[in-house]
Amino acid sequence: MKYDDVAGMRIAVFGTGPKVIVAVHGITASLMAWNAVAARLPEEWSLVAMDLRGRGHSAGLPGPYGLERHAEDVLRVAEYAGAGPEAVLTGHSMGAYVAVLAGARRAFSRVVLVDGGLPFPPVPPGADVDAEIEATLGPAIARLSQTFATAGDYVAFFQAHPAFIGHWTPEAERYVRYDLTGPEGALRSRAAGAAVREDGRWMRVNGARIGAALAAIEAPVTLLRAPRGLLNQDVGMLPGPLAEQWTARVPGLRDELVPDCNHYTIMFDDRCAALVAARLSGA
């Protein structure tokens, strides 16, 4: 893996193969969310991931945020990396929604959405969107304002997360340690709370734009869904009926349920990361 910079945005290139994958992380994550998947790609592939503005080592990049701004950044990175129409585009969680918007703007050979990318049902009239976002992302947002005495304490915090209990891996630990900043005794996540809130709101209220972009993608689209949720709850982020609705509306969309995983372990468990890598490389 090697790091680079694109207009102040941190990028990393995993591998040295000539075939290119452009990968986008989730709402409180970083480019290191892709380290387990990248390690399982065939040697002819390389994976280019970025820290989106407001996250990781791109946390200092200014807003406005919003998924359309992120899609512009993704396309800028793709151009910098020499990713032509034969390249693959992928995203996990919020990154899948960004990938939908980017994939509608230019050609890729295929688009792979990992537990994200499907518009949610419209916001009911009079609903409190911010309260809904807080209910969904509350634990993740609360973490951003917490401080930790040592890196070990931060790792232990994640090890106790319901999604990771019994599923801790070296790749998950690398992902967590990469996220830390600040002085010893007051370590914290690099992700900016303002970016997370703004992006969460944009994603929730712009379902029509996301749906139109999904339908406009000309490349084949594969959706890889986790059956369990962000906190390892029984219902995943994208339930079956929602996936059925969108596969009926978008002929080029193929839905695949990845068994025995949740929203996080689909990216880090050996079996799941290997499956994601296989779908990215065309297997």
C-alpha atoms as a PDB file:
ATOM      1  CA  MET A   1       0.000   0.000   0.000  1.00  0.00           C
ATOM      2  CA  LYS A   2       1.202   3.504  -0.777  1.00  0.00           C
ATOM      3  CA  TYR A   3      -0.292   6.875   0.083  1.00  0.00           C
ATOM      4  CA  ASP A   4      -0.739   9.853  -2.209  1.00  0.00           C
ATOM      5  CA  ASP A   5      -2.529  13.197  -2.203  1.00  0.00           C
ATOM      6  CA  VAL A   6      -5.100  14.621  -4.612  1.00  0.00           C
ATOM      7  CA  ALA A   7      -5.876  18.293  -3.974  1.00  0.00           C
ATOM      8  CA  GLY A   8      -5.462  17.768  -0.236  1.00  0.00           C
ATOM      9  CA  MET A   9      -7.362  14.485  -0.204  1.00  0.00           C
ATOM     10  CA  ARG A  10      -5.514  11.439   1.156  1.00  0.00           C
ATOM     11  CA  ILE A  11      -5.653   8.417  -1.133  1.00  0.00           C
ATOM     12  CA  ALA A  12      -4.121   4.982  -0.818  1.00  0.00           C
ATOM     13  CA  VAL A  13      -3.322   2.470  -3.521  1.00  0.00           C
ATOM     14  CA  PHE A  14      -3.476  -1.158  -2.414  1.00  0.00           C
ATOM     15  CA  GLY A  15      -1.617  -3.506  -4.771  1.00  0.00           C
ATOM     16  CA  THR A  16       0.167  -2.866  -8.048  1.00  0.00           C
ATOM     17  CA  GLY A  17      -1.999  -4.603 -10.640  1.00  0.00           C
ATOM     18  CA  PRO A  18      -3.010  -2.803 -13.848  1.00  0.00           C
ATOM     19  CA  LYS A  19      -6.733  -3.413 -13.321  1.00  0.00           C
ATOM     20  CA  VAL A  20      -8.186  -0.646 -11.145  1.00  0.00           C
ATOM     21  CA  ILE A  21     -10.944  -0.530  -8.528  1.00  0.00           C
ATOM     22  CA  VAL A  22     -12.040   2.836  -7.103  1.00  0.00           C
ATOM     23  CA  ALA A  23     -13.455   2.336  -3.601  1.00  0.00           C
ATOM     24  CA  VAL A  24     -15.486   4.649  -1.331  1.00  0.00           C
ATOM     25  CA  HIS A  25     -15.902   4.215   2.440  1.00  0.00           C
ATOM     26  CA  GLY A  26     -18.836   4.804   4.784  1.00  0.00           C
ATOM     27  CA  ILE A  27     -20.116   7.754   6.762  1.00  0.00           C
ATOM     28  CA  THR A  28     -17.752   7.634   9.789  1.00  0.00           C
ATOM     29  CA  ALA A  29     -15.096   5.432   8.205  1.00  0.00           C
ATOM     30  CA  SER A  30     -11.843   5.919   6.273  1.00  0.00           C
ATOM     31  CA  LEU A  31      -9.966   4.437   3.341  1.00  0.00           C
ATOM     32  CA  MET A  32      -8.690   1.707   5.676  1.00  0.00           C
ATOM     33  CA  ALA A  33     -12.193   0.196   5.627  1.00  0.00           C
ATOM     34  CA  TRP A  34     -11.021  -1.471   2.391  1.00  0.00           C
ATOM     35  CA  ASN A  35      -7.815  -3.041   3.678  1.00  0.00           C
ATOM     36  CA  ALA A  36      -9.251  -6.537   4.209  1.00  0.00           C
ATOM     37  CA  VAL A  37     -10.942  -6.630   0.800  1.00  0.00           C
ATOM     38  CA  ALA A  38      -7.846  -5.264  -0.969  1.00  0.00           C
ATOM     39  CA  ALA A  39      -5.663  -7.950   0.600  1.00  0.00           C
ATOM     40  CA  ARG A  40      -7.812 -10.644  -1.006  1.00  0.00           C
ATOM     41  CA  LEU A  41      -7.812  -9.329  -4.569  1.00  0.00           C
ATOM     42  CA  PRO A  42      -5.995 -11.225  -7.327  1.00  0.00           C
ATOM     43  CA  GLU A  43      -2.530  -9.816  -8.043  1.00  0.00           C
ATOM     44  CA  GLU A  44      -3.565  -8.266 -11.365  1.00  0.00           C
ATOM     45  CA  TRP A  45      -5.794  -5.810  -9.490  1.00  0.00           C
ATOM     46  CA  SER A  46      -5.117  -2.641  -7.522  1.00  0.00           C
ATOM     47  CA  LEU A  47      -7.603  -0.804  -5.325  1.00  0.00           C
ATOM     48  CA  VAL A  48      -7.614   2.988  -4.967  1.00  0.00           C
ATOM     49  CA  ALA A  49      -9.410   4.281  -1.869  1.00  0.00           C
ATOM     50  CA  MET A  50      -9.662   7.791  -0.454  1.00  0.00           C
ATOM     51  CA  ASP A  51     -10.398   9.487   2.836  1.00  0.00           C
ATOM     52  CA  LEU A  52     -13.514  11.488   1.990  1.00  0.00           C
ATOM     53  CA  ARG A  53     -13.493  15.129   3.061  1.00  0.00           C
ATOM     54  CA  GLY A  54     -14.279  15.346   6.763  1.00  0.00           C
ATOM     55  CA  ARG A  55     -12.798  11.886   7.457  1.00  0.00           C
ATOM     56  CA  GLY A  56      -9.437  10.271   8.054  1.00  0.00           C
ATOM     57  CA  HIS A  57      -6.473  12.310   6.852  1.00  0.00           C
ATOM     58  CA  SER A  58      -8.828  14.413   4.695  1.00  0.00           C
ATOM     59  CA  ALA A  59     -10.711  15.642   7.769  1.00  0.00           C
ATOM     60  CA  GLY A  60      -9.339  19.153   7.324  1.00  0.00           C
ATOM     61  CA  LEU A  61     -10.805  19.611   3.858  1.00  0.00           C
ATOM     62  CA  PRO A  62     -13.647  22.140   4.044  1.00  0.00           C
ATOM     63  CA  GLY A  63     -17.329  21.660   3.393  1.00  0.00           C
ATOM     64  CA  PRO A  64     -19.869  21.916   2.113  1.00  0.00           C
ATOM     65  CA  TYR A  65     -20.196  18.169   2.301  1.00  0.00           C
ATOM     66  CA  GLY A  66     -23.116  16.204   0.872  1.00  0.00           C
ATOM     67  CA  LEU A  67     -22.966  13.138  -1.333  1.00  0.00           C
ATOM     68  CA  GLU A  68     -22.814  15.032  -4.618  1.00  0.00           C
ATOM     69  CA  ARG A  69     -19.675  16.823  -3.395  1.00  0.00           C
ATOM     70  CA  HIS A  70     -18.164  13.470  -2.451  1.00  0.00           C
ATOM     71  CA  ALA A  71     -19.058  12.052  -5.874  1.00  0.00           C
ATOM     72  CA  GLU A  72     -17.150  14.916  -7.488  1.00  0.00           C
ATOM     73  CA  ASP A  73     -14.145  14.062  -5.316  1.00  0.00           C
ATOM     74  CA  VAL A  74     -14.397  10.382  -6.238  1.00  0.00           C
ATOM     75  CA  LEU A  75     -14.394  11.166  -9.943  1.00  0.00           C
ATOM     76  CA  ARG A  76     -11.398  13.457  -9.444  1.00  0.00           C
ATOM     77  CA  VAL A  77      -9.533  10.599  -7.749  1.00  0.00           C
ATOM     78  CA  ALA A  78     -10.555   8.179 -10.506  1.00  0.00           C
ATOM     79  CA  GLU A  79      -9.147  10.511 -13.143  1.00  0.00           C
ATOM     80  CA  TYR A  80      -5.927  10.997 -11.162  1.00  0.00           C
ATOM     81  CA  ALA A  81      -5.527   7.217 -10.810  1.00  0.00           C
ATOM     82  CA  GLY A  82      -6.019   6.663 -14.543  1.00  0.00           C
ATOM     83  CA  ALA A  83      -9.194   4.677 -13.976  1.00  0.00           C
ATOM     84  CA  GLY A  84     -10.779   4.443 -17.425  1.00  0.00           C
ATOM     85  CA  PRO A  85     -14.140   2.984 -18.439  1.00  0.00           C
ATOM     86  CA  GLU A  86     -12.755  -0.515 -17.819  1.00  0.00           C
ATOM     87  CA  ALA A  87     -12.290   0.263 -14.103  1.00  0.00           C
ATOM     88  CA  VAL A  88     -14.604  -0.939 -11.330  1.00  0.00           C
ATOM     89  CA  LEU A  89     -16.394   1.400  -8.899  1.00  0.00           C
ATOM     90  CA  THR A  90     -17.452   0.282  -5.437  1.00  0.00           C
ATOM     91  CA  GLY A  91     -18.672   1.735  -2.154  1.00  0.00           C
ATOM     92  CA  HIS A  92     -19.649   0.494   1.296  1.00  0.00           C
ATOM     93  CA  SER A  93     -22.535   1.946   3.332  1.00  0.00           C
ATOM     94  CA  MET A  94     -22.740   5.687   2.602  1.00  0.00           C
ATOM     95  CA  GLY A  95     -19.920   5.142   0.135  1.00  0.00           C
ATOM     96  CA  ALA A  96     -22.270   2.984  -1.918  1.00  0.00           C
ATOM     97  CA  TYR A  97     -24.626   5.962  -2.275  1.00  0.00           C
ATOM     98  CA  VAL A  98     -21.699   8.132  -3.353  1.00  0.00           C
ATOM     99  CA  ALA A  99     -20.738   5.406  -5.846  1.00  0.00           C
ATOM    100  CA  VAL A 100     -24.276   5.460  -7.276  1.00  0.00           C
ATOM    101  CA  LEU A 101     -24.012   9.197  -7.921  1.00  0.00           C
ATOM    102  CA  ALA A 102     -20.519   8.895  -9.405  1.00  0.00           C
ATOM    103  CA  GLY A 103     -21.428   5.841 -11.469  1.00  0.00           C
ATOM    104  CA  ALA A 104     -24.274   7.732 -13.125  1.00  0.00           C
ATOM    105  CA  ARG A 105     -21.887  10.461 -14.309  1.00  0.00           C
ATOM    106  CA  ARG A 106     -19.282   8.433 -16.203  1.00  0.00           C
ATOM    107  CA  ALA A 107     -18.608   4.944 -17.501  1.00  0.00           C
ATOM    108  CA  PHE A 108     -17.261   2.086 -15.388  1.00  0.00           C
ATOM    109  CA  SER A 109     -17.176  -1.585 -16.328  1.00  0.00           C
ATOM    110  CA  ARG A 110     -19.286  -2.478 -13.280  1.00  0.00           C
ATOM    111  CA  VAL A 111     -20.446  -1.000  -9.999  1.00  0.00           C
ATOM    112  CA  VAL A 112     -20.500  -3.025  -6.764  1.00  0.00           C
ATOM    113  CA  LEU A 113     -22.566  -1.680  -3.855  1.00  0.00           C
ATOM    114  CA  VAL A 114     -21.744  -3.167  -0.454  1.00  0.00           C
ATOM    115  CA  ASP A 115     -24.669  -2.877   1.988  1.00  0.00           C
ATOM    116  CA  GLY A 116     -25.749   0.512   0.713  1.00  0.00           C
ATOM    117  CA  GLY A 117     -26.854   2.446  -2.340  1.00  0.00           C
ATOM    118  CA  LEU A 118     -30.611   1.792  -2.321  1.00  0.00           C
ATOM    119  CA  PRO A 119     -32.801   4.836  -1.604  1.00  0.00           C
ATOM    120  CA  PHE A 120     -34.798   4.612   1.577  1.00  0.00           C
ATOM    121  CA  PRO A 121     -38.567   5.262   1.579  1.00  0.00           C
ATOM    122  CA  PRO A 122     -39.481   8.971   1.374  1.00  0.00           C
ATOM    123  CA  VAL A 123     -39.473  11.020   4.551  1.00  0.00           C
ATOM    124  CA  PRO A 124     -43.083  11.288   5.825  1.00  0.00           C
ATOM    125  CA  PRO A 125     -44.542  14.814   5.878  1.00  0.00           C
ATOM    126  CA  GLY A 126     -43.740  16.573   9.126  1.00  0.00           C
ATOM    127  CA  ALA A 127     -41.153  13.998  10.188  1.00  0.00           C
ATOM    128  CA  ASP A 128     -38.120  15.136  12.179  1.00  0.00           C
ATOM    129  CA  VAL A 129     -35.272  14.081   9.902  1.00  0.00           C
ATOM    130  CA  ASP A 130     -32.575  15.026  12.400  1.00  0.00           C
ATOM    131  CA  ALA A 131     -34.203  12.915  15.099  1.00  0.00           C
ATOM    132  CA  GLU A 132     -34.415   9.983  12.699  1.00  0.00           C
ATOM    133  CA  ILE A 133     -30.725  10.350  11.831  1.00  0.00           C
ATOM    134  CA  GLU A 134     -29.847  10.540  15.511  1.00  0.00           C
ATOM    135  CA  ALA A 135     -31.780   7.339  16.172  1.00  0.00           C
ATOM    136  CA  THR A 136     -29.944   5.535  13.385  1.00  0.00           C
ATOM    137  CA  LEU A 137     -26.440   6.975  13.677  1.00  0.00           C
ATOM    138  CA  GLY A 138     -26.565   8.062  17.320  1.00  0.00           C
ATOM    139  CA  PRO A 139     -23.911   5.641  18.661  1.00  0.00           C
ATOM    140  CA  ALA A 140     -21.547   6.430  15.787  1.00  0.00           C
ATOM    141  CA  ILE A 141     -22.030  10.195  16.167  1.00  0.00           C
ATOM    142  CA  ALA A 142     -21.550   9.983  19.955  1.00  0.00           C
ATOM    143  CA  ARG A 143     -18.189   8.243  19.439  1.00  0.00           C
ATOM    144  CA  LEU A 144     -16.885  11.224  17.477  1.00  0.00           C
ATOM    145  CA  SER A 145     -17.012  13.460  20.551  1.00  0.00           C
ATOM    146  CA  GLN A 146     -15.455  10.920  22.913  1.00  0.00           C
ATOM    147  CA  THR A 147     -11.802  10.914  23.914  1.00  0.00           C
ATOM    148  CA  PHE A 148      -9.658   7.920  24.849  1.00  0.00           C
ATOM    149  CA  ALA A 149      -6.581   7.719  27.045  1.00  0.00           C
ATOM    150  CA  THR A 150      -4.701   5.291  24.805  1.00  0.00           C
ATOM    151  CA  ALA A 151      -4.949   3.661  21.399  1.00  0.00           C
ATOM    152  CA  GLY A 152      -5.570   0.401  23.231  1.00  0.00           C
ATOM    153  CA  ASP A 153      -8.645   1.899  24.856  1.00  0.00           C
ATOM    154  CA  TYR A 154     -10.013   2.874  21.446  1.00  0.00           C
ATOM    155  CA  VAL A 155      -9.386  -0.620  20.119  1.00  0.00           C
ATOM    156  CA  ALA A 156     -11.128  -2.100  23.166  1.00  0.00           C
ATOM    157  CA  PHE A 157     -14.106   0.211  22.562  1.00  0.00           C
ATOM    158  CA  PHE A 158     -14.524  -1.238  19.067  1.00  0.00           C
ATOM    159  CA  GLN A 159     -13.911  -4.804  20.210  1.00  0.00           C
ATOM    160  CA  ALA A 160     -16.919  -4.403  22.525  1.00  0.00           C
ATOM    161  CA  HIS A 161     -19.118  -3.079  19.689  1.00  0.00           C
ATOM    162  CA  PRO A 162     -22.011  -5.528  19.069  1.00  0.00           C
ATOM    163  CA  ALA A 163     -21.024  -5.878  15.397  1.00  0.00           C
ATOM    164  CA  PHE A 164     -17.453  -6.923  16.221  1.00  0.00           C
ATOM    165  CA  ILE A 165     -17.901  -9.195  19.253  1.00  0.00           C
ATOM    166  CA  GLY A 166     -16.516 -12.564  18.211  1.00  0.00           C
ATOM    167  CA  HIS A 167     -15.413 -11.150  14.846  1.00  0.00           C
ATOM    168  CA  TRP A 168     -12.277  -9.152  15.617  1.00  0.00           C
ATOM    169  CA  THR A 169      -9.546  -9.351  12.975  1.00  0.00           C
ATOM    170  CA  PRO A 170      -6.115  -7.762  12.388  1.00  0.00           C
ATOM    171  CA  GLU A 171      -7.645  -5.813   9.488  1.00  0.00           C
ATOM    172  CA  ALA A 172     -10.346  -4.409  11.770  1.00  0.00           C
ATOM    173  CA  GLU A 173      -7.657  -3.303  14.209  1.00  0.00           C
ATOM    174  CA  ARG A 174      -5.693  -1.549  11.451  1.00  0.00           C
ATOM    175  CA  TYR A 175      -8.895   0.236  10.447  1.00  0.00           C
ATOM    176  CA  VAL A 176      -9.542   1.411  14.009  1.00  0.00           C
ATOM    177  CA  ARG A 177      -5.981   2.551  14.751  1.00  0.00           C
ATOM    178  CA  TYR A 178      -5.819   4.533  11.504  1.00  0.00           C
ATOM    179  CA  ASP A 179      -8.798   6.603  12.682  1.00  0.00           C
ATOM    180  CA  LEU A 180      -7.093   7.992  15.777  1.00  0.00           C
ATOM    181  CA  THR A 181      -5.751  11.516  16.196  1.00  0.00           C
ATOM    182  CA  GLY A 182      -4.924  13.849  19.064  1.00  0.00           C
ATOM    183  CA  PRO A 183      -2.488  13.756  21.976  1.00  0.00           C
ATOM    184  CA  GLU A 184      -1.957  10.750  24.218  1.00  0.00           C
ATOM    185  CA  GLY A 185      -4.574  10.907  26.933  1.00  0.00           C
ATOM    186  CA  ALA A 186      -7.130  12.649  24.683  1.00  0.00           C
ATOM    187  CA  LEU A 187      -7.217  10.566  21.514  1.00  0.00           C
ATOM    188  CA  ARG A 188     -10.310  10.789  19.321  1.00  0.00           C
ATOM    189  CA  SER A 189     -11.720   9.837  15.944  1.00  0.00           C
ATOM    190  CA  ARG A 190     -10.554  11.828  12.935  1.00  0.00           C
ATOM    191  CA  ALA A 191     -14.098  12.037  11.517  1.00  0.00           C
ATOM    192  CA  ALA A 192     -15.780  15.439  11.758  1.00  0.00           C
ATOM    193  CA  GLY A 193     -19.215  15.384  13.351  1.00  0.00           C
ATOM    194  CA  ALA A 194     -20.457  18.213  11.111  1.00  0.00           C
ATOM    195  CA  ALA A 195     -19.606  16.182   8.005  1.00  0.00           C
ATOM    196  CA  VAL A 196     -21.370  13.099   9.331  1.00  0.00           C
ATOM    197  CA  ARG A 197     -24.548  15.004  10.194  1.00  0.00           C
ATOM    198  CA  GLU A 198     -24.656  16.903   6.905  1.00  0.00           C
ATOM    199  CA  ASP A 199     -24.078  13.755   4.860  1.00  0.00           C
ATOM    200  CA  GLY A 200     -26.615  11.763   6.859  1.00  0.00           C
ATOM    201  CA  ARG A 201     -29.261  14.401   6.258  1.00  0.00           C
ATOM    202  CA  TRP A 202     -28.418  14.663   2.531  1.00  0.00           C
ATOM    203  CA  MET A 203     -28.677  10.899   2.113  1.00  0.00           C
ATOM    204  CA  ARG A 204     -32.028  10.747   3.896  1.00  0.00           C
ATOM    205  CA  VAL A 205     -33.822  13.596   2.103  1.00  0.00           C
ATOM    206  CA  ASN A 206     -32.480  13.047  -1.420  1.00  0.00           C
ATOM    207  CA  GLY A 207     -33.798   9.572  -2.120  1.00  0.00           C
ATOM    208  CA  ALA A 208     -35.285  10.677  -5.439  1.00  0.00           C
ATOM    209  CA  ARG A 209     -31.892  11.874  -6.690  1.00  0.00           C
ATOM    210  CA  ILE A 210     -30.243   8.666  -5.585  1.00  0.00           C
ATOM    211  CA  GLY A 211     -32.942   6.563  -7.258  1.00  0.00           C
ATOM    212  CA  ALA A 212     -32.632   8.491 -10.519  1.00  0.00           C
ATOM    213  CA  ALA A 213     -28.863   8.051 -10.469  1.00  0.00           C
ATOM    214  CA  LEU A 214     -29.165   4.327  -9.762  1.00  0.00           C
ATOM    215  CA  ALA A 215     -31.470   3.905 -12.752  1.00  0.00           C
ATOM    216  CA  ALA A 216     -29.093   5.950 -14.930  1.00  0.00           C
ATOM    217  CA  ILE A 217     -26.016   3.753 -14.369  1.00  0.00           C
ATOM    218  CA  GLU A 218     -25.274   1.987 -17.645  1.00  0.00           C
ATOM    219  CA  ALA A 219     -22.850  -0.562 -16.187  1.00  0.00           C
ATOM    220  CA  PRO A 220     -24.023  -3.759 -14.473  1.00  0.00           C
ATOM    221  CA  VAL A 221     -24.646  -3.129 -10.770  1.00  0.00           C
ATOM    222  CA  THR A 222     -24.208  -5.773  -8.068  1.00  0.00           C
ATOM    223  CA  LEU A 223     -25.638  -5.218  -4.587  1.00  0.00           C
ATOM    224  CA  LEU A 224     -24.060  -7.232  -1.775  1.00  0.00           C
ATOM    225  CA  ARG A 225     -26.320  -7.134   1.284  1.00  0.00           C
ATOM    226  CA  ALA A 226     -25.659  -8.065   4.894  1.00  0.00           C
ATOM    227  CA  PRO A 227     -28.573  -9.840   6.620  1.00  0.00           C
ATOM    228  CA  ARG A 228     -27.752  -8.175   9.948  1.00  0.00           C
ATOM    229  CA  GLY A 229     -27.524  -4.484  10.852  1.00  0.00           C
ATOM    230  CA  LEU A 230     -25.090  -1.890  12.178  1.00  0.00           C
ATOM    231  CA  LEU A 231     -25.421  -3.205  15.739  1.00  0.00           C
ATOM    232  CA  ASN A 232     -25.697  -6.834  14.606  1.00  0.00           C
ATOM    233  CA  GLN A 233     -29.481  -6.660  14.935  1.00  0.00           C
ATOM    234  CA  ASP A 234     -31.636  -9.180  13.075  1.00  0.00           C
ATOM    235  CA  VAL A 235     -32.800  -6.766  10.359  1.00  0.00           C
ATOM    236  CA  GLY A 236     -30.138  -5.504   7.976  1.00  0.00           C
ATOM    237  CA  MET A 237     -29.772  -1.956   6.716  1.00  0.00           C
ATOM    238  CA  LEU A 238     -31.320  -2.987   3.395  1.00  0.00           C
ATOM    239  CA  PRO A 239     -34.158  -5.459   4.053  1.00  0.00           C
ATOM    240  CA  GLY A 240     -35.209  -7.930   1.384  1.00  0.00           C
ATOM    241  CA  PRO A 241     -38.432  -6.119   0.368  1.00  0.00           C
ATOM    242  CA  LEU A 242     -36.484  -2.917  -0.315  1.00  0.00           C
ATOM    243  CA  ALA A 243     -33.996  -4.819  -2.463  1.00  0.00           C
ATOM    244  CA  GLU A 244     -36.820  -6.532  -4.352  1.00  0.00           C
ATOM    245  CA  GLN A 245     -38.434  -3.172  -5.045  1.00  0.00           C
ATOM    246  CA  TRP A 246     -35.282  -1.786  -6.618  1.00  0.00           C
ATOM    247  CA  THR A 247     -34.244  -4.874  -8.574  1.00  0.00           C
ATOM    248  CA  ALA A 248     -37.705  -4.746 -10.177  1.00  0.00           C
ATOM    249  CA  ARG A 249     -37.225  -1.078 -11.081  1.00  0.00           C
ATOM    250  CA  VAL A 250     -33.599  -1.266 -12.280  1.00  0.00           C
ATOM    251  CA  PRO A 251     -33.018  -4.123 -14.767  1.00  0.00           C
ATOM    252  CA  GLY A 252     -29.222  -3.950 -14.470  1.00  0.00           C
ATOM    253  CA  LEU A 253     -29.250  -4.384 -10.682  1.00  0.00           C
ATOM    254  CA  ARG A 254     -28.405  -7.820  -9.246  1.00  0.00           C
ATOM    255  CA  ASP A 255     -29.036  -8.490  -5.553  1.00  0.00           C
ATOM    256  CA  GLU A 256     -26.909 -10.947  -3.553  1.00  0.00           C
ATOM    257  CA  LEU A 257     -27.389 -11.644   0.160  1.00  0.00           C
ATOM    258  CA  VAL A 258     -24.070 -12.474   1.862  1.00  0.00           C
ATOM    259  CA  PRO A 259     -24.907 -14.994   4.599  1.00  0.00           C
ATOM    260  CA  ASP A 260     -23.871 -14.742   8.237  1.00  0.00           C
ATOM    261  CA  CYS A 261     -22.559 -11.185   8.402  1.00  0.00           C
ATOM    262  CA  ASN A 262     -23.525  -7.716   9.554  1.00  0.00           C
ATOM    263  CA  HIS A 263     -22.962  -4.209   8.208  1.00  0.00           C
ATOM    264  CA  TYR A 264     -19.326  -4.213   9.374  1.00  0.00           C
ATOM    265  CA  THR A 265     -18.214  -7.820   9.174  1.00  0.00           C
ATOM    266  CA  ILE A 266     -19.164  -7.961   5.494  1.00  0.00           C
ATOM    267  CA  MET A 267     -15.980  -5.896   5.040  1.00  0.00           C
ATOM    268  CA  PHE A 268     -13.673  -7.556   7.568  1.00  0.00           C
ATOM    269  CA  ASP A 269     -14.473 -11.240   8.109  1.00  0.00           C
ATOM    270  CA  ASP A 270     -12.194 -13.385   5.964  1.00  0.00           C
ATOM    271  CA  ARG A 271     -14.996 -15.189   4.138  1.00  0.00           C
ATOM    272  CA  CYS A 272     -16.995 -12.033   3.490  1.00  0.00           C
ATOM    273  CA  ALA A 273     -14.028  -9.889   2.435  1.00  0.00           C
ATOM    274  CA  ALA A 274     -12.977 -12.649   0.053  1.00  0.00           C
ATOM    275  CA  LEU A 275     -16.457 -12.718  -1.484  1.00  0.00           C
ATOM    276  CA  VAL A 276     -16.489  -8.925  -1.914  1.00  0.00           C
ATOM    277  CA  ALA A 277     -13.038  -9.126  -3.531  1.00  0.00           C
ATOM    278  CA  ALA A 278     -14.284 -11.861  -5.862  1.00  0.00           C
ATOM    279  CA  ARG A 279     -17.263  -9.797  -7.003  1.00  0.00           C
ATOM    280  CA  LEU A 280     -15.050  -6.761  -7.545  1.00  0.00           C
ATOM    281  CA  SER A 281     -12.669  -8.760  -9.709  1.00  0.00           C
ATOM    282  CA  GLY A 282     -15.501 -10.297 -11.720  1.00  0.00           C
ATOM    283  CA  ALA A 283     -15.724 -13.745 -10.126  1.00  0.00           C
END
